[in-house]
Amino acid sequence: KRHKNLRVDFANEHFDDNWSFTIFIDESAFRLHSGKKHCYQQRGKPVKNQKRKHPAKVHACAAICGRGPVKLSLSTENMTAIRYHRILKTQIIPSAKDIYMERKFRVLQDKDPKHQAKIIKQLLEDKNVDLIEDWPGCSPDLNPIEHVWKLIKEEVAKKSQQITTASHLKSRIRKAWNRIVDFELCSRIVGSMKNRLEQVIKNKGDRTKY
């Protein structure tokens, strides 16, 4: 009940916002051989499970805005507050400033503890970038970049059996990003924010179709 109320409060508070000046940031993980598998089985013999216990993983951190893709960062290292700080400082914020020139923009990110670290908030303050701090946790339908991850994972999964190394996986992710994430897609999904908020209010805080 409390979470639904927070979602409704957020929707009402930001219903008339100009979302075209918001940078939407999120992370996602990609694993080797995460797509569907097909095999032949001899009659009367069990299928051997060849799934790796610890498949290689690529951590992706990306940002989009209403004017198009901002930045995609890929690494096999686990994401920490320090690494997230480095990505923001050296990649996402400089790219966003190039997009918006001298115009002010703000950041929307989820409630992940590393996103809430003091060094992150201090960096945004130092760079004169506002942070949307009342975003309700566990609300992927209120961050359009979640749709981007869905599309990229579907694209990568199409040829997942051909991906044999983490380096190859990173290459496939970046190719999918470059092919799929363009101005038209970003403009459309960021432009859906008002409809998303409207549905949250209409559904009294329940999940939306997004």
C-alpha atoms as a PDB file:
ATOM      1  CA  LYS A   1       0.000   0.000   0.000  1.00  0.00           C
ATOM      2  CA  ARG A   2       2.780   2.419   0.935  1.00  0.00           C
ATOM      3  CA  HIS A   3       4.684   1.713  -2.281  1.00  0.00           C
ATOM      4  CA  LYS A   4       1.559   2.313  -4.369  1.00  0.00           C
ATOM      5  CA  ASN A   5       1.057   5.621  -2.599  1.00  0.00           C
ATOM      6  CA  LEU A   6       4.653   6.613  -3.343  1.00  0.00           C
ATOM      7  CA  ARG A   7       4.104   5.826  -7.010  1.00  0.00           C
ATOM      8  CA  VAL A   8       0.944   7.932  -7.122  1.00  0.00           C
ATOM      9  CA  ASP A   9       2.676  10.792  -5.297  1.00  0.00           C
ATOM     10  CA  PHE A  10       5.539  10.676  -7.800  1.00  0.00           C
ATOM     11  CA  ALA A  11       3.129  10.627 -10.742  1.00  0.00           C
ATOM     12  CA  ASN A  12       1.209  13.628  -9.447  1.00  0.00           C
ATOM     13  CA  GLU A  13       4.352  15.558  -8.562  1.00  0.00           C
ATOM     14  CA  HIS A  14       5.992  15.092 -11.978  1.00  0.00           C
ATOM     15  CA  PHE A  15       2.959  14.868 -14.249  1.00  0.00           C
ATOM     16  CA  ASP A  16       3.651  18.195 -15.962  1.00  0.00           C
ATOM     17  CA  ASP A  17       7.452  17.858 -16.068  1.00  0.00           C
ATOM     18  CA  ASN A  18       9.380  18.431 -19.280  1.00  0.00           C
ATOM     19  CA  TRP A  19      10.934  14.976 -19.587  1.00  0.00           C
ATOM     20  CA  SER A  20      12.919  15.902 -22.680  1.00  0.00           C
ATOM     21  CA  PHE A  21      15.624  17.303 -20.360  1.00  0.00           C
ATOM     22  CA  THR A  22      15.975  14.144 -18.277  1.00  0.00           C
ATOM     23  CA  ILE A  23      18.782  11.601 -18.588  1.00  0.00           C
ATOM     24  CA  PHE A  24      17.494   8.092 -17.809  1.00  0.00           C
ATOM     25  CA  ILE A  25      20.257   5.842 -16.468  1.00  0.00           C
ATOM     26  CA  ASP A  26      20.146   2.132 -15.691  1.00  0.00           C
ATOM     27  CA  GLU A  27      22.241  -1.029 -15.549  1.00  0.00           C
ATOM     28  CA  SER A  28      21.702  -4.556 -16.830  1.00  0.00           C
ATOM     29  CA  ALA A  29      23.652  -7.819 -16.911  1.00  0.00           C
ATOM     30  CA  PHE A  30      24.189 -10.054 -19.939  1.00  0.00           C
ATOM     31  CA  ARG A  31      25.372 -13.654 -19.629  1.00  0.00           C
ATOM     32  CA  LEU A  32      26.902 -16.032 -22.149  1.00  0.00           C
ATOM     33  CA  HIS A  33      24.498 -18.635 -23.539  1.00  0.00           C
ATOM     34  CA  SER A  34      21.440 -17.064 -21.939  1.00  0.00           C
ATOM     35  CA  GLY A  35      19.232 -17.718 -24.973  1.00  0.00           C
ATOM     36  CA  LYS A  36      17.242 -20.841 -25.875  1.00  0.00           C
ATOM     37  CA  LYS A  37      19.171 -24.035 -26.620  1.00  0.00           C
ATOM     38  CA  HIS A  38      18.349 -26.932 -28.915  1.00  0.00           C
ATOM     39  CA  CYS A  39      19.939 -30.371 -28.884  1.00  0.00           C
ATOM     40  CA  TYR A  40      19.449 -33.923 -30.161  1.00  0.00           C
ATOM     41  CA  GLN A  41      18.748 -36.732 -27.716  1.00  0.00           C
ATOM     42  CA  GLN A  42      19.359 -40.407 -28.329  1.00  0.00           C
ATOM     43  CA  ARG A  43      16.420 -42.606 -27.464  1.00  0.00           C
ATOM     44  CA  GLY A  44      16.682 -43.913 -23.920  1.00  0.00           C
ATOM     45  CA  LYS A  45      19.624 -41.700 -22.988  1.00  0.00           C
ATOM     46  CA  PRO A  46      19.395 -38.622 -20.764  1.00  0.00           C
ATOM     47  CA  VAL A  47      20.277 -35.186 -22.063  1.00  0.00           C
ATOM     48  CA  LYS A  48      23.567 -33.945 -20.649  1.00  0.00           C
ATOM     49  CA  ASN A  49      23.378 -30.521 -19.090  1.00  0.00           C
ATOM     50  CA  GLN A  50      26.279 -28.560 -20.540  1.00  0.00           C
ATOM     51  CA  LYS A  51      25.350 -25.311 -18.846  1.00  0.00           C
ATOM     52  CA  ARG A  52      28.331 -23.625 -17.244  1.00  0.00           C
ATOM     53  CA  LYS A  53      28.122 -23.089 -13.503  1.00  0.00           C
ATOM     54  CA  HIS A  54      29.608 -19.618 -13.780  1.00  0.00           C
ATOM     55  CA  PRO A  55      29.081 -18.272 -17.313  1.00  0.00           C
ATOM     56  CA  ALA A  56      30.867 -15.098 -18.304  1.00  0.00           C
ATOM     57  CA  LYS A  57      28.909 -11.968 -17.567  1.00  0.00           C
ATOM     58  CA  VAL A  58      28.980  -8.474 -19.038  1.00  0.00           C
ATOM     59  CA  HIS A  59      27.739  -5.554 -16.972  1.00  0.00           C
ATOM     60  CA  ALA A  60      26.141  -2.768 -18.986  1.00  0.00           C
ATOM     61  CA  CYS A  61      25.455   0.769 -17.837  1.00  0.00           C
ATOM     62  CA  ALA A  62      23.639   3.065 -20.226  1.00  0.00           C
ATOM     63  CA  ALA A  63      21.817   6.354 -20.515  1.00  0.00           C
ATOM     64  CA  ILE A  64      19.230   7.736 -22.910  1.00  0.00           C
ATOM     65  CA  CYS A  65      17.284  10.967 -23.234  1.00  0.00           C
ATOM     66  CA  GLY A  66      14.552  12.407 -25.422  1.00  0.00           C
ATOM     67  CA  ARG A  67      17.188  13.506 -27.932  1.00  0.00           C
ATOM     68  CA  GLY A  68      18.596  10.010 -28.423  1.00  0.00           C
ATOM     69  CA  PRO A  69      21.140   7.635 -26.891  1.00  0.00           C
ATOM     70  CA  VAL A  70      23.618   9.208 -24.486  1.00  0.00           C
ATOM     71  CA  LYS A  71      26.198   6.516 -23.694  1.00  0.00           C
ATOM     72  CA  LEU A  72      26.698   2.761 -23.310  1.00  0.00           C
ATOM     73  CA  SER A  73      29.458   1.407 -21.055  1.00  0.00           C
ATOM     74  CA  LEU A  74      30.334  -2.310 -20.966  1.00  0.00           C
ATOM     75  CA  SER A  75      32.616  -4.224 -18.614  1.00  0.00           C
ATOM     76  CA  THR A  76      33.156  -7.654 -17.097  1.00  0.00           C
ATOM     77  CA  GLU A  77      33.893  -5.992 -13.748  1.00  0.00           C
ATOM     78  CA  ASN A  78      31.199  -5.874 -11.095  1.00  0.00           C
ATOM     79  CA  MET A  79      29.571  -2.485 -10.750  1.00  0.00           C
ATOM     80  CA  THR A  80      30.546  -0.564  -7.618  1.00  0.00           C
ATOM     81  CA  ALA A  81      29.859   2.985  -6.486  1.00  0.00           C
ATOM     82  CA  ILE A  82      33.421   3.929  -7.478  1.00  0.00           C
ATOM     83  CA  ARG A  83      33.088   2.459 -10.949  1.00  0.00           C
ATOM     84  CA  TYR A  84      29.629   4.013 -11.401  1.00  0.00           C
ATOM     85  CA  HIS A  85      31.114   7.362 -10.352  1.00  0.00           C
ATOM     86  CA  ARG A  86      33.831   6.972 -13.003  1.00  0.00           C
ATOM     87  CA  ILE A  87      31.273   6.161 -15.725  1.00  0.00           C
ATOM     88  CA  LEU A  88      29.163   9.160 -14.807  1.00  0.00           C
ATOM     89  CA  LYS A  89      32.127  11.518 -14.614  1.00  0.00           C
ATOM     90  CA  THR A  90      34.026  10.444 -17.729  1.00  0.00           C
ATOM     91  CA  GLN A  91      31.288   9.163 -20.046  1.00  0.00           C
ATOM     92  CA  ILE A  92      27.629   9.881 -19.294  1.00  0.00           C
ATOM     93  CA  ILE A  93      27.789  13.462 -18.009  1.00  0.00           C
ATOM     94  CA  PRO A  94      30.231  14.695 -20.713  1.00  0.00           C
ATOM     95  CA  SER A  95      28.094  13.066 -23.436  1.00  0.00           C
ATOM     96  CA  ALA A  96      24.922  14.597 -21.983  1.00  0.00           C
ATOM     97  CA  LYS A  97      26.554  18.025 -21.870  1.00  0.00           C
ATOM     98  CA  ASP A  98      27.481  17.646 -25.545  1.00  0.00           C
ATOM     99  CA  ILE A  99      23.851  16.837 -26.338  1.00  0.00           C
ATOM    100  CA  TYR A 100      22.305  19.662 -24.333  1.00  0.00           C
ATOM    101  CA  MET A 101      25.113  22.170 -24.855  1.00  0.00           C
ATOM    102  CA  GLU A 102      24.704  24.826 -22.158  1.00  0.00           C
ATOM    103  CA  ARG A 103      21.153  23.850 -21.235  1.00  0.00           C
ATOM    104  CA  LYS A 104      20.508  22.278 -17.854  1.00  0.00           C
ATOM    105  CA  PHE A 105      19.398  18.644 -17.573  1.00  0.00           C
ATOM    106  CA  ARG A 106      18.633  16.262 -14.720  1.00  0.00           C
ATOM    107  CA  VAL A 107      19.170  12.577 -13.941  1.00  0.00           C
ATOM    108  CA  LEU A 108      16.750   9.774 -13.143  1.00  0.00           C
ATOM    109  CA  GLN A 109      18.212   6.572 -11.709  1.00  0.00           C
ATOM    110  CA  ASP A 110      16.858   3.787  -9.512  1.00  0.00           C
ATOM    111  CA  LYS A 111      17.337   3.292  -5.776  1.00  0.00           C
ATOM    112  CA  ASP A 112      20.314   0.943  -6.068  1.00  0.00           C
ATOM    113  CA  PRO A 113      22.573   1.654  -3.049  1.00  0.00           C
ATOM    114  CA  LYS A 114      25.574   2.486  -5.235  1.00  0.00           C
ATOM    115  CA  HIS A 115      23.480   5.107  -7.028  1.00  0.00           C
ATOM    116  CA  GLN A 116      22.638   6.663  -3.679  1.00  0.00           C
ATOM    117  CA  ALA A 117      26.253   6.823  -2.494  1.00  0.00           C
ATOM    118  CA  LYS A 118      27.553  10.167  -1.234  1.00  0.00           C
ATOM    119  CA  ILE A 119      30.215  10.326  -3.946  1.00  0.00           C
ATOM    120  CA  ILE A 120      27.509  10.076  -6.629  1.00  0.00           C
ATOM    121  CA  LYS A 121      25.360  12.824  -5.160  1.00  0.00           C
ATOM    122  CA  GLN A 122      28.419  14.998  -4.662  1.00  0.00           C
ATOM    123  CA  LEU A 123      29.512  14.489  -8.269  1.00  0.00           C
ATOM    124  CA  LEU A 124      26.100  15.500  -9.612  1.00  0.00           C
ATOM    125  CA  GLU A 125      26.114  18.551  -7.364  1.00  0.00           C
ATOM    126  CA  ASP A 126      29.609  19.523  -8.506  1.00  0.00           C
ATOM    127  CA  LYS A 127      28.553  19.154 -12.149  1.00  0.00           C
ATOM    128  CA  ASN A 128      25.375  21.206 -11.538  1.00  0.00           C
ATOM    129  CA  VAL A 129      23.160  18.269 -12.506  1.00  0.00           C
ATOM    130  CA  ASP A 130      19.863  17.857 -10.654  1.00  0.00           C
ATOM    131  CA  LEU A 131      18.815  14.427  -9.404  1.00  0.00           C
ATOM    132  CA  ILE A 132      15.212  13.223  -9.243  1.00  0.00           C
ATOM    133  CA  GLU A 133      15.300  11.962  -5.669  1.00  0.00           C
ATOM    134  CA  ASP A 134      11.676  10.947  -5.111  1.00  0.00           C
ATOM    135  CA  TRP A 135      11.609   8.170  -7.739  1.00  0.00           C
ATOM    136  CA  PRO A 136       9.709   5.253  -6.162  1.00  0.00           C
ATOM    137  CA  GLY A 137      11.789   2.085  -5.929  1.00  0.00           C
ATOM    138  CA  CYS A 138      10.816  -1.107  -7.766  1.00  0.00           C
ATOM    139  CA  SER A 139       9.187   0.848 -10.590  1.00  0.00           C
ATOM    140  CA  PRO A 140      10.781  -0.301 -13.868  1.00  0.00           C
ATOM    141  CA  ASP A 141       7.674   0.898 -15.720  1.00  0.00           C
ATOM    142  CA  LEU A 142       8.661   4.453 -14.768  1.00  0.00           C
ATOM    143  CA  ASN A 143      12.101   4.274 -16.386  1.00  0.00           C
ATOM    144  CA  PRO A 144      11.866   4.094 -20.209  1.00  0.00           C
ATOM    145  CA  ILE A 145      15.375   2.665 -20.563  1.00  0.00           C
ATOM    146  CA  GLU A 146      14.014  -0.670 -19.290  1.00  0.00           C
ATOM    147  CA  HIS A 147      12.359  -1.005 -22.708  1.00  0.00           C
ATOM    148  CA  VAL A 148      15.760  -0.508 -24.322  1.00  0.00           C
ATOM    149  CA  TRP A 149      17.243  -3.400 -22.337  1.00  0.00           C
ATOM    150  CA  LYS A 150      14.365  -5.633 -23.386  1.00  0.00           C
ATOM    151  CA  LEU A 151      14.967  -4.922 -27.077  1.00  0.00           C
ATOM    152  CA  ILE A 152      18.736  -5.377 -26.838  1.00  0.00           C
ATOM    153  CA  LYS A 153      18.474  -8.664 -24.932  1.00  0.00           C
ATOM    154  CA  GLU A 154      16.030 -10.007 -27.496  1.00  0.00           C
ATOM    155  CA  GLU A 155      18.434  -9.060 -30.289  1.00  0.00           C
ATOM    156  CA  VAL A 156      21.491 -10.565 -28.579  1.00  0.00           C
ATOM    157  CA  ALA A 157      19.588 -13.778 -27.743  1.00  0.00           C
ATOM    158  CA  LYS A 158      18.858 -14.432 -31.435  1.00  0.00           C
ATOM    159  CA  LYS A 159      22.423 -15.616 -31.995  1.00  0.00           C
ATOM    160  CA  SER A 160      23.438 -16.396 -28.429  1.00  0.00           C
ATOM    161  CA  GLN A 161      24.887 -19.808 -29.359  1.00  0.00           C
ATOM    162  CA  GLN A 162      27.416 -18.091 -31.626  1.00  0.00           C
ATOM    163  CA  ILE A 163      28.747 -16.000 -28.741  1.00  0.00           C
ATOM    164  CA  THR A 164      31.607 -17.841 -27.066  1.00  0.00           C
ATOM    165  CA  THR A 165      33.557 -15.179 -25.155  1.00  0.00           C
ATOM    166  CA  ALA A 166      32.847 -12.124 -23.019  1.00  0.00           C
ATOM    167  CA  SER A 167      34.587  -9.988 -25.631  1.00  0.00           C
ATOM    168  CA  HIS A 168      32.287 -11.332 -28.338  1.00  0.00           C
ATOM    169  CA  LEU A 169      29.291 -10.750 -26.096  1.00  0.00           C
ATOM    170  CA  LYS A 170      30.293  -7.126 -25.564  1.00  0.00           C
ATOM    171  CA  SER A 171      30.626  -6.694 -29.310  1.00  0.00           C
ATOM    172  CA  ARG A 172      27.119  -8.110 -29.885  1.00  0.00           C
ATOM    173  CA  ILE A 173      25.627  -5.856 -27.226  1.00  0.00           C
ATOM    174  CA  ARG A 174      27.237  -2.768 -28.717  1.00  0.00           C
ATOM    175  CA  LYS A 175      26.124  -3.691 -32.238  1.00  0.00           C
ATOM    176  CA  ALA A 176      22.569  -4.168 -30.984  1.00  0.00           C
ATOM    177  CA  TRP A 177      22.728  -0.819 -29.180  1.00  0.00           C
ATOM    178  CA  ASN A 178      24.023   1.000 -32.266  1.00  0.00           C
ATOM    179  CA  ARG A 179      21.390  -0.581 -34.483  1.00  0.00           C
ATOM    180  CA  ILE A 180      18.346  -0.282 -32.219  1.00  0.00           C
ATOM    181  CA  VAL A 181      18.836   2.725 -29.961  1.00  0.00           C
ATOM    182  CA  ASP A 182      18.327   5.820 -32.087  1.00  0.00           C
ATOM    183  CA  PHE A 183      16.605   9.195 -31.881  1.00  0.00           C
ATOM    184  CA  GLU A 184      13.241   7.797 -32.975  1.00  0.00           C
ATOM    185  CA  LEU A 185      13.145   5.093 -30.292  1.00  0.00           C
ATOM    186  CA  CYS A 186      14.404   7.346 -27.494  1.00  0.00           C
ATOM    187  CA  SER A 187      12.077  10.181 -28.423  1.00  0.00           C
ATOM    188  CA  ARG A 188       9.103   7.813 -28.465  1.00  0.00           C
ATOM    189  CA  ILE A 189       9.710   6.051 -25.170  1.00  0.00           C
ATOM    190  CA  VAL A 190      10.745   9.194 -23.285  1.00  0.00           C
ATOM    191  CA  GLY A 191       7.686  10.863 -24.768  1.00  0.00           C
ATOM    192  CA  SER A 192       5.577   8.156 -23.145  1.00  0.00           C
ATOM    193  CA  MET A 193       6.404   9.367 -19.621  1.00  0.00           C
ATOM    194  CA  LYS A 194       3.219  11.399 -19.253  1.00  0.00           C
ATOM    195  CA  ASN A 195       1.130   8.390 -20.312  1.00  0.00           C
ATOM    196  CA  ARG A 196       3.052   6.207 -17.850  1.00  0.00           C
ATOM    197  CA  LEU A 197       2.349   8.630 -15.012  1.00  0.00           C
ATOM    198  CA  GLU A 198      -1.280   8.941 -16.044  1.00  0.00           C
ATOM    199  CA  GLN A 199      -1.671   5.152 -15.887  1.00  0.00           C
ATOM    200  CA  VAL A 200      -0.063   5.017 -12.442  1.00  0.00           C
ATOM    201  CA  ILE A 201      -2.604   7.547 -11.179  1.00  0.00           C
ATOM    202  CA  LYS A 202      -5.482   5.762 -12.909  1.00  0.00           C
ATOM    203  CA  ASN A 203      -4.367   2.376 -11.506  1.00  0.00           C
ATOM    204  CA  LYS A 204      -3.926   3.870  -8.017  1.00  0.00           C
ATOM    205  CA  GLY A 205      -0.266   2.928  -7.941  1.00  0.00           C
ATOM    206  CA  ASP A 206      -0.559  -0.540  -9.484  1.00  0.00           C
ATOM    207  CA  ARG A 207       1.742  -1.620 -12.330  1.00  0.00           C
ATOM    208  CA  THR A 208       1.078  -0.274 -15.784  1.00  0.00           C
ATOM    209  CA  LYS A 209       1.306  -1.889 -19.224  1.00  0.00           C
ATOM    210  CA  TYR A 210       4.818  -0.516 -19.681  1.00  0.00           C
END
